Amino acid sequence: MQALLEFLPLLGLGGGYLLGKSINPDEAMYYLSYGAIIGTLLQFAIFRIRQEKMQKMTLITGWLLIIFATLTVVLRNPLFVELKPTVLSWAFALFFWGYAFFTKTTLLEKMMGEQFQMPAKNWLTLNWFWVIFNVIIGVTNLAVVVMMSEDAWATFKLAVLPIASLVFVAGQTVYLFKYGKMVHKETDKNMTDNAKNDQREM
């Protein structure tokens, strides 16, 4: 269910585009934008009904999609929704780089440090992977928007980007298990209990 919720905006976007292509191909990008808005709002509503906390990245991505899709519909210009992946990717790249530069630690360690223990240099390397990946995604999306058709962009958005993201996350997982060590909460609890027992004995 959680995985489906994460993909609801993409499903809405894709469904809207396919519906638009079948009804009025010239208006397909606007149907896509409506679908993206509906899918994202539905995602927000289900999270609220289930009283589950949304990840900040999901929340930020969702609101940006709503804003850019709304601009596309209101201003009748598909360029806004097409440029959203570039703006978001470059914003993430800048944020990951800036956080590491100013805090001398990485956002990834802050987010996943409770689950994985890994040397600081490896967290920094992984952080650079995120920066480079997002820069490449942003540049690639921009190139597709400028040089290719709307159909090609829709294919890129609906198929290429999700696959690329899944491959990247899989690579990150391999890296984490290769250079890091998963923290087991049960082990931590036992260590805490043992420490308390030692204190009592003292």
Protein backbone atom coordinates (compact mmCIF):
# COMPACT_ATOMS: atom_id res chain seq x y z
CA MET A 1 0.00 0.00 0.00
CA GLN A 2 2.83 2.38 0.89
CA ALA A 3 4.55 1.81 -2.47
CA LEU A 4 1.28 2.45 -4.31
CA LEU A 5 0.79 5.71 -2.43
CA GLU A 6 4.24 6.91 -3.49
CA PHE A 7 3.37 6.26 -7.14
CA LEU A 8 -0.13 7.82 -7.08
CA PRO A 9 0.98 11.18 -8.61
CA LEU A 10 2.80 9.33 -11.39
CA LEU A 11 -0.22 7.10 -12.00
CA GLY A 12 -2.45 10.16 -12.15
CA LEU A 13 -0.06 11.87 -14.53
CA GLY A 14 0.14 8.85 -16.81
CA GLY A 15 -3.59 8.20 -16.69
CA GLY A 16 -4.34 11.81 -17.54
CA TYR A 17 -1.96 11.75 -20.48
CA LEU A 18 -3.40 8.54 -21.93
CA LEU A 19 -6.93 9.89 -21.49
CA GLY A 20 -5.95 13.11 -23.21
CA LYS A 21 -4.36 11.27 -26.12
CA SER A 22 -7.58 9.31 -26.65
CA ILE A 23 -9.91 12.35 -26.36
CA ASN A 24 -7.92 15.25 -27.78
CA PRO A 25 -4.22 14.65 -28.57
CA ASP A 26 -3.55 18.38 -28.84
CA GLU A 27 -4.67 18.84 -25.23
CA ALA A 28 -2.92 15.75 -23.82
CA MET A 29 -0.44 17.73 -21.73
CA TYR A 30 -3.28 19.55 -19.98
CA TYR A 31 -5.03 16.27 -19.20
CA LEU A 32 -1.65 15.08 -17.90
CA SER A 33 -1.48 18.11 -15.63
CA TYR A 34 -5.01 17.55 -14.31
CA GLY A 35 -4.15 13.91 -13.67
CA ALA A 36 -0.99 14.89 -11.80
CA ILE A 37 -2.92 17.30 -9.57
CA ILE A 38 -5.68 14.77 -8.85
CA GLY A 39 -3.18 11.97 -8.16
CA THR A 40 -1.16 14.12 -5.78
CA LEU A 41 -4.17 15.45 -3.88
CA LEU A 42 -5.49 11.90 -3.58
CA GLN A 43 -2.10 10.84 -2.19
CA PHE A 44 -2.22 13.63 0.40
CA ALA A 45 -5.79 12.72 1.35
CA ILE A 46 -5.05 9.01 1.84
CA PHE A 47 -2.02 9.78 3.99
CA ARG A 48 -4.22 12.05 6.11
CA ILE A 49 -7.07 9.53 6.39
CA ARG A 50 -4.62 6.78 7.38
CA GLN A 51 -2.99 9.24 9.80
CA GLU A 52 0.44 8.40 8.45
CA LYS A 53 3.29 10.88 8.38
CA MET A 54 4.54 11.75 4.90
CA GLN A 55 8.24 11.90 4.19
CA LYS A 56 9.41 15.45 3.60
CA MET A 57 10.75 14.57 0.15
CA THR A 58 7.35 13.16 -0.87
CA LEU A 59 5.58 16.25 0.46
CA ILE A 60 7.92 18.69 -1.29
CA THR A 61 7.77 16.77 -4.56
CA GLY A 62 3.98 16.63 -4.39
CA TRP A 63 3.50 20.35 -3.81
CA LEU A 64 5.95 21.25 -6.58
CA LEU A 65 4.07 18.98 -8.96
CA ILE A 66 0.77 20.65 -8.03
CA ILE A 67 2.26 24.13 -8.51
CA PHE A 68 3.87 23.40 -11.90
CA ALA A 69 0.83 21.46 -13.18
CA THR A 70 -1.47 24.31 -12.09
CA LEU A 71 0.71 26.84 -13.91
CA THR A 72 0.52 24.66 -17.02
CA VAL A 73 -3.28 24.60 -16.89
CA VAL A 74 -3.80 28.27 -15.96
CA LEU A 75 -1.22 29.74 -18.34
CA ARG A 76 -1.89 27.15 -21.06
CA ASN A 77 1.79 26.36 -21.39
CA PRO A 78 3.01 22.72 -21.03
CA LEU A 79 6.55 23.98 -20.49
CA PHE A 80 5.91 24.43 -16.77
CA VAL A 81 5.03 20.79 -16.04
CA GLU A 82 7.79 19.63 -18.41
CA LEU A 83 10.44 21.63 -16.57
CA LYS A 84 9.36 20.46 -13.12
CA PRO A 85 11.74 17.42 -13.07
CA THR A 86 14.69 19.68 -13.95
CA VAL A 87 13.85 22.29 -11.31
CA LEU A 88 13.26 19.62 -8.65
CA SER A 89 16.38 17.62 -9.48
CA TRP A 90 18.65 20.66 -9.50
CA ALA A 91 17.10 21.90 -6.26
CA PHE A 92 17.82 18.53 -4.62
CA ALA A 93 21.39 18.54 -5.99
CA LEU A 94 21.98 22.03 -4.61
CA PHE A 95 20.43 21.13 -1.26
CA PHE A 96 22.48 17.94 -0.83
CA TRP A 97 25.67 19.80 -1.76
CA GLY A 98 24.86 22.88 0.35
CA TYR A 99 23.93 20.86 3.44
CA ALA A 100 27.22 18.98 3.32
CA PHE A 101 29.21 22.16 2.63
CA PHE A 102 27.76 24.23 5.46
CA THR A 103 27.22 21.58 8.15
CA LYS A 104 30.29 19.40 7.42
CA THR A 105 28.02 16.37 7.51
CA THR A 106 25.57 14.90 5.02
CA LEU A 107 21.81 14.94 4.82
CA LEU A 108 21.85 11.22 4.05
CA GLU A 109 23.61 10.43 7.32
CA LYS A 110 21.06 12.56 9.16
CA MET A 111 18.21 10.73 7.44
CA MET A 112 19.56 7.17 7.60
CA GLY A 113 22.16 7.29 10.34
CA GLU A 114 19.83 5.52 12.78
CA GLN A 115 19.51 2.57 10.38
CA PHE A 116 23.08 2.38 9.04
CA GLN A 117 26.51 2.97 10.52
CA MET A 118 29.08 4.03 7.96
CA PRO A 119 32.33 6.05 7.95
CA ALA A 120 31.93 9.76 7.24
CA LYS A 121 33.93 9.52 4.00
CA ASN A 122 31.49 6.95 2.63
CA TRP A 123 28.49 9.09 3.57
CA LEU A 124 30.16 11.94 1.71
CA THR A 125 30.76 9.76 -1.34
CA LEU A 126 27.13 8.66 -1.33
CA ASN A 127 26.09 12.29 -0.99
CA TRP A 128 28.10 13.15 -4.13
CA PHE A 129 26.36 10.31 -5.95
CA TRP A 130 23.03 11.99 -5.15
CA VAL A 131 24.31 15.38 -6.31
CA ILE A 132 25.66 14.02 -9.60
CA PHE A 133 22.59 11.86 -10.25
CA ASN A 134 20.20 14.79 -9.78
CA VAL A 135 22.32 17.08 -11.95
CA ILE A 136 22.31 14.48 -14.75
CA ILE A 137 18.54 13.94 -14.45
CA GLY A 138 17.94 17.68 -14.63
CA VAL A 139 20.14 18.12 -17.68
CA THR A 140 18.64 15.09 -19.43
CA ASN A 141 15.08 16.25 -18.82
CA LEU A 142 15.94 19.72 -20.14
CA ALA A 143 17.47 18.20 -23.27
CA VAL A 144 14.37 16.09 -23.89
CA VAL A 145 12.10 19.12 -23.45
CA VAL A 146 14.14 21.26 -25.85
CA MET A 147 15.02 18.74 -28.53
CA MET A 148 12.22 16.16 -28.54
CA SER A 149 8.45 15.93 -28.81
CA GLU A 150 5.85 16.00 -26.04
CA ASP A 151 5.28 12.27 -26.58
CA ALA A 152 8.99 11.63 -26.09
CA TRP A 153 8.96 13.70 -22.89
CA ALA A 154 5.94 11.83 -21.58
CA THR A 155 7.73 8.53 -22.21
CA PHE A 156 10.82 9.87 -20.49
CA LYS A 157 8.78 11.05 -17.49
CA LEU A 158 6.58 7.96 -17.16
CA ALA A 159 9.10 5.22 -17.95
CA VAL A 160 12.73 6.34 -18.08
CA LEU A 161 12.79 8.49 -14.94
CA PRO A 162 11.12 5.91 -12.64
CA ILE A 163 13.42 3.15 -13.91
CA ALA A 164 16.50 5.34 -13.52
CA SER A 165 15.43 6.23 -9.97
CA LEU A 166 14.85 2.59 -9.03
CA VAL A 167 18.25 1.59 -10.44
CA PHE A 168 19.91 4.43 -8.53
CA VAL A 169 18.19 3.49 -5.25
CA ALA A 170 19.18 -0.15 -5.79
CA GLY A 171 22.79 0.94 -6.31
CA GLN A 172 22.61 3.04 -3.13
CA THR A 173 21.34 0.01 -1.21
CA VAL A 174 24.25 -2.10 -2.48
CA TYR A 175 26.68 0.67 -1.47
CA LEU A 176 25.16 0.93 2.02
CA PHE A 177 25.45 -2.79 2.67
CA LYS A 178 28.97 -2.92 1.21
CA TYR A 179 30.46 -0.07 3.23
CA GLY A 180 28.03 0.25 6.10
CA LYS A 181 26.45 -1.84 8.78
CA MET A 182 22.78 -2.02 9.57
CA VAL A 183 21.86 -1.03 13.09
CA HIS A 184 19.53 -3.53 14.73
CA LYS A 185 17.20 -1.89 17.22
CA GLU A 186 16.88 -5.11 19.18
CA THR A 187 20.65 -5.20 19.60
CA ASP A 188 20.65 -1.59 20.75
CA LYS A 189 17.87 -2.39 23.22
CA ASN A 190 19.80 -5.34 24.63
CA MET A 191 22.92 -3.19 24.98
CA THR A 192 20.89 -0.56 26.82
CA ASP A 193 19.33 -3.17 29.12
CA ASN A 194 22.76 -4.66 29.84
CA ALA A 195 24.12 -1.23 30.66
CA LYS A 196 21.23 -0.62 33.07
CA ASN A 197 21.85 -3.99 34.75
CA ASP A 198 25.55 -3.17 35.11
CA GLN A 199 24.65 0.13 36.76
CA ARG A 200 22.35 -1.65 39.21
CA GLU A 201 25.10 -4.14 40.09
CA MET A 202 27.47 -1.26 40.79
